[in-house]
C-alpha atoms as a PDB file:
ATOM      1  CA  MET A   1     -95.777  19.659 -18.960  1.00  0.00           C
ATOM      2  CA  ALA A   2     -93.808  22.558 -17.529  1.00  0.00           C
ATOM      3  CA  ARG A   3     -90.024  22.616 -17.364  1.00  0.00           C
ATOM      4  CA  LEU A   4     -88.595  22.221 -13.886  1.00  0.00           C
ATOM      5  CA  SER A   5     -86.509  24.996 -12.361  1.00  0.00           C
ATOM      6  CA  ASP A   6     -82.778  24.557 -11.828  1.00  0.00           C
ATOM      7  CA  SER A   7     -83.290  24.211  -8.085  1.00  0.00           C
ATOM      8  CA  GLU A   8     -86.003  21.558  -8.547  1.00  0.00           C
ATOM      9  CA  ILE A   9     -83.719  19.602 -10.874  1.00  0.00           C
ATOM     10  CA  ASP A  10     -80.721  19.890  -8.534  1.00  0.00           C
ATOM     11  CA  GLU A  11     -82.831  18.757  -5.578  1.00  0.00           C
ATOM     12  CA  ARG A  12     -84.029  15.634  -7.410  1.00  0.00           C
ATOM     13  CA  LEU A  13     -80.584  14.768  -8.696  1.00  0.00           C
ATOM     14  CA  ALA A  14     -78.945  15.103  -5.269  1.00  0.00           C
ATOM     15  CA  ALA A  15     -79.939  11.588  -4.171  1.00  0.00           C
ATOM     16  CA  SER A  16     -79.800  10.038  -7.617  1.00  0.00           C
ATOM     17  CA  SER A  17     -77.524   8.133  -9.978  1.00  0.00           C
ATOM     18  CA  TRP A  18     -78.547  10.538 -12.732  1.00  0.00           C
ATOM     19  CA  LYS A  19     -76.642  13.707 -13.597  1.00  0.00           C
ATOM     20  CA  ARG A  20     -77.500  16.803 -15.530  1.00  0.00           C
ATOM     21  CA  GLU A  21     -76.024  17.580 -18.926  1.00  0.00           C
ATOM     22  CA  ASN A  22     -77.446  20.807 -20.351  1.00  0.00           C
ATOM     23  CA  ASP A  23     -81.212  20.324 -20.785  1.00  0.00           C
ATOM     24  CA  SER A  24     -81.130  16.562 -20.136  1.00  0.00           C
ATOM     25  CA  ILE A  25     -80.539  14.086 -17.360  1.00  0.00           C
ATOM     26  CA  VAL A  26     -78.232  11.162 -18.116  1.00  0.00           C
ATOM     27  CA  ARG A  27     -77.228   7.897 -16.522  1.00  0.00           C
ATOM     28  CA  ASP A  28     -74.379   5.625 -17.549  1.00  0.00           C
ATOM     29  CA  VAL A  29     -74.655   1.937 -16.706  1.00  0.00           C
ATOM     30  CA  GLU A  30     -72.044  -0.792 -16.995  1.00  0.00           C
ATOM     31  CA  CYS A  31     -73.656  -4.164 -17.600  1.00  0.00           C
ATOM     32  CA  LYS A  32     -72.180  -7.660 -17.345  1.00  0.00           C
ATOM     33  CA  GLY A  33     -71.790  -7.983 -21.107  1.00  0.00           C
ATOM     34  CA  PHE A  34     -73.326  -7.210 -24.479  1.00  0.00           C
ATOM     35  CA  HIS A  35     -76.365  -9.436 -23.986  1.00  0.00           C
ATOM     36  CA  SER A  36     -77.269  -7.804 -20.668  1.00  0.00           C
ATOM     37  CA  ALA A  37     -76.689  -4.318 -22.144  1.00  0.00           C
ATOM     38  CA  MET A  38     -79.099  -5.105 -24.967  1.00  0.00           C
ATOM     39  CA  ALA A  39     -81.599  -6.627 -22.542  1.00  0.00           C
ATOM     40  CA  LEU A  40     -81.523  -3.422 -20.489  1.00  0.00           C
ATOM     41  CA  ALA A  41     -81.932  -1.279 -23.618  1.00  0.00           C
ATOM     42  CA  ASN A  42     -84.937  -3.352 -24.680  1.00  0.00           C
ATOM     43  CA  ALA A  43     -86.497  -3.218 -21.198  1.00  0.00           C
ATOM     44  CA  VAL A  44     -86.076   0.573 -21.173  1.00  0.00           C
ATOM     45  CA  ALA A  45     -87.634   0.755 -24.651  1.00  0.00           C
ATOM     46  CA  ASP A  46     -90.677  -1.214 -23.444  1.00  0.00           C
ATOM     47  CA  ALA A  47     -91.094   1.015 -20.372  1.00  0.00           C
ATOM     48  CA  ALA A  48     -90.667   4.140 -22.502  1.00  0.00           C
ATOM     49  CA  ASN A  49     -93.376   3.011 -24.907  1.00  0.00           C
ATOM     50  CA  GLU A  50     -95.740   2.421 -21.988  1.00  0.00           C
ATOM     51  CA  ALA A  51     -94.985   5.910 -20.654  1.00  0.00           C
ATOM     52  CA  ASN A  52     -95.084   7.472 -24.140  1.00  0.00           C
ATOM     53  CA  HIS A  53     -91.811   9.184 -23.266  1.00  0.00           C
ATOM     54  CA  HIS A  54     -88.768   8.078 -25.210  1.00  0.00           C
ATOM     55  CA  PRO A  55     -85.146   8.485 -24.075  1.00  0.00           C
ATOM     56  CA  ASP A  56     -82.040   8.368 -26.186  1.00  0.00           C
ATOM     57  CA  ILE A  57     -80.401   4.972 -25.620  1.00  0.00           C
ATOM     58  CA  LEU A  58     -76.779   4.369 -26.571  1.00  0.00           C
ATOM     59  CA  VAL A  59     -75.184   0.939 -26.246  1.00  0.00           C
ATOM     60  CA  HIS A  60     -71.419   1.284 -26.598  1.00  0.00           C
ATOM     61  CA  GLY A  61     -68.193  -0.435 -25.658  1.00  0.00           C
ATOM     62  CA  TYR A  62     -70.161  -3.718 -25.825  1.00  0.00           C
ATOM     63  CA  LYS A  63     -71.424  -3.525 -22.226  1.00  0.00           C
ATOM     64  CA  HIS A  64     -72.144   0.143 -21.512  1.00  0.00           C
ATOM     65  CA  VAL A  65     -75.524   1.850 -21.802  1.00  0.00           C
ATOM     66  CA  ARG A  66     -76.038   5.615 -21.716  1.00  0.00           C
ATOM     67  CA  LEU A  67     -79.593   6.833 -21.142  1.00  0.00           C
ATOM     68  CA  THR A  68     -80.525  10.444 -21.850  1.00  0.00           C
ATOM     69  CA  LEU A  69     -83.874  11.934 -20.853  1.00  0.00           C
ATOM     70  CA  SER A  70     -85.316  15.281 -21.869  1.00  0.00           C
ATOM     71  CA  THR A  71     -88.757  16.506 -22.794  1.00  0.00           C
ATOM     72  CA  HIS A  72     -87.995  17.908 -26.219  1.00  0.00           C
ATOM     73  CA  SER A  73     -91.503  19.299 -26.705  1.00  0.00           C
ATOM     74  CA  ASP A  74     -91.016  21.457 -23.580  1.00  0.00           C
ATOM     75  CA  GLY A  75     -87.382  22.303 -24.263  1.00  0.00           C
ATOM     76  CA  GLY A  76     -85.879  20.808 -21.145  1.00  0.00           C
ATOM     77  CA  ILE A  77     -86.294  18.638 -18.080  1.00  0.00           C
ATOM     78  CA  THR A  78     -89.789  17.973 -16.745  1.00  0.00           C
ATOM     79  CA  GLU A  79     -91.475  15.730 -14.205  1.00  0.00           C
ATOM     80  CA  ASN A  80     -91.947  13.151 -17.008  1.00  0.00           C
ATOM     81  CA  ASP A  81     -88.177  12.738 -17.200  1.00  0.00           C
ATOM     82  CA  PHE A  82     -87.842  12.019 -13.497  1.00  0.00           C
ATOM     83  CA  ALA A  83     -90.826   9.662 -13.543  1.00  0.00           C
ATOM     84  CA  LEU A  84     -89.264   7.597 -16.331  1.00  0.00           C
ATOM     85  CA  ALA A  85     -85.850   7.819 -14.630  1.00  0.00           C
ATOM     86  CA  GLY A  86     -87.405   6.198 -11.553  1.00  0.00           C
ATOM     87  CA  THR A  87     -88.844   3.398 -13.663  1.00  0.00           C
ATOM     88  CA  ILE A  88     -85.466   2.920 -15.352  1.00  0.00           C
ATOM     89  CA  ASP A  89     -83.724   2.814 -11.966  1.00  0.00           C
ATOM     90  CA  GLY A  90     -85.977  -0.125 -11.057  1.00  0.00           C
ATOM     91  CA  LEU A  91     -85.091  -1.910 -14.295  1.00  0.00           C
ATOM     92  CA  ILE A  92     -81.380  -1.403 -13.628  1.00  0.00           C
ATOM     93  CA  ALA A  93     -81.743  -2.756 -10.085  1.00  0.00           C
ATOM     94  CA  ASP A  94     -83.454  -5.862 -11.461  1.00  0.00           C
ATOM     95  CA  ALA A  95     -80.823  -6.426 -14.170  1.00  0.00           C
END
């Protein structure tokens, strides 16, 4: 999959809870507690396996989750990252 241009990335991030950090998009989520943070991490892991696109997931501060998406094989941000970000947004809304 081809890397997106800077303008394409900026356009998609404009109405999003995700932000750009170098060649990745990231989202930080504060959950209700440790159990809900782990539940979100596991739900994201399941969705990522289905999509065959795996983010970095960091659970920290007992109730915070940081999700980082990048298409390493293409060296940057692709449509796959935004597709999975949309799925993750739905999981966060349901949490």
